[in-house]
Amino acid sequence: MKNRLALILEKIEDIEFFVEQKDGKVMSALQDRILKPAIRMQIISISEQFNRLKDENEFEILSKIDKKDLRGINAVRNFIAHDYDSVDDEILELVLRKHIPEIKERIETLLSDRKLLDDE
C-alpha cells in the first residue's frame, strides 16, 4: 500500500515537472507535442494505482481520498485510454489545476501518518 501511494506521488511530481518545463503554464504544457502525451500517461498511471488499491481491498486508504477526485481521475483516464484524440484540454487543465493538487496533498498526509504505515 505504501509503495502504491509513493508511486502515485511520484507520478504527480512527474506531471508537475512537465508543467514546469513550460514555466508552470498548464495549457502551454498541454499544447506541447511531447509533454501532453507524457502528462496523459501519468494520469493513466495514477488511476491504475488507485484501481490496484481497490483490487487489494485498501478501502480504508481510498476512503481518505475525496470520492470526487477518484471519480474524476478515473473518468479522465477512461477518456484518454478509449478516445485519446477527443480529450478536451480544458478538462485536462481542470484535473491538473484542481484534482491533482488535492490528491497530492492527501497522499502526502497519508504517507506521513506513522500509524497508517506501522499497520502495514
Foldseek 3Di string as FASTA:
>chain_A
DLVLLVLLLVLLVVLQVLCVVVVNDLVVLCPDPPNVVSNLVSLLSNLVSVVVCVVVVVVVLVVLADPVLNVLSNVSNCCCVPVVPPRDSVSVVCNSVPSSVSSNVSSVVQSVPVVNVVVD
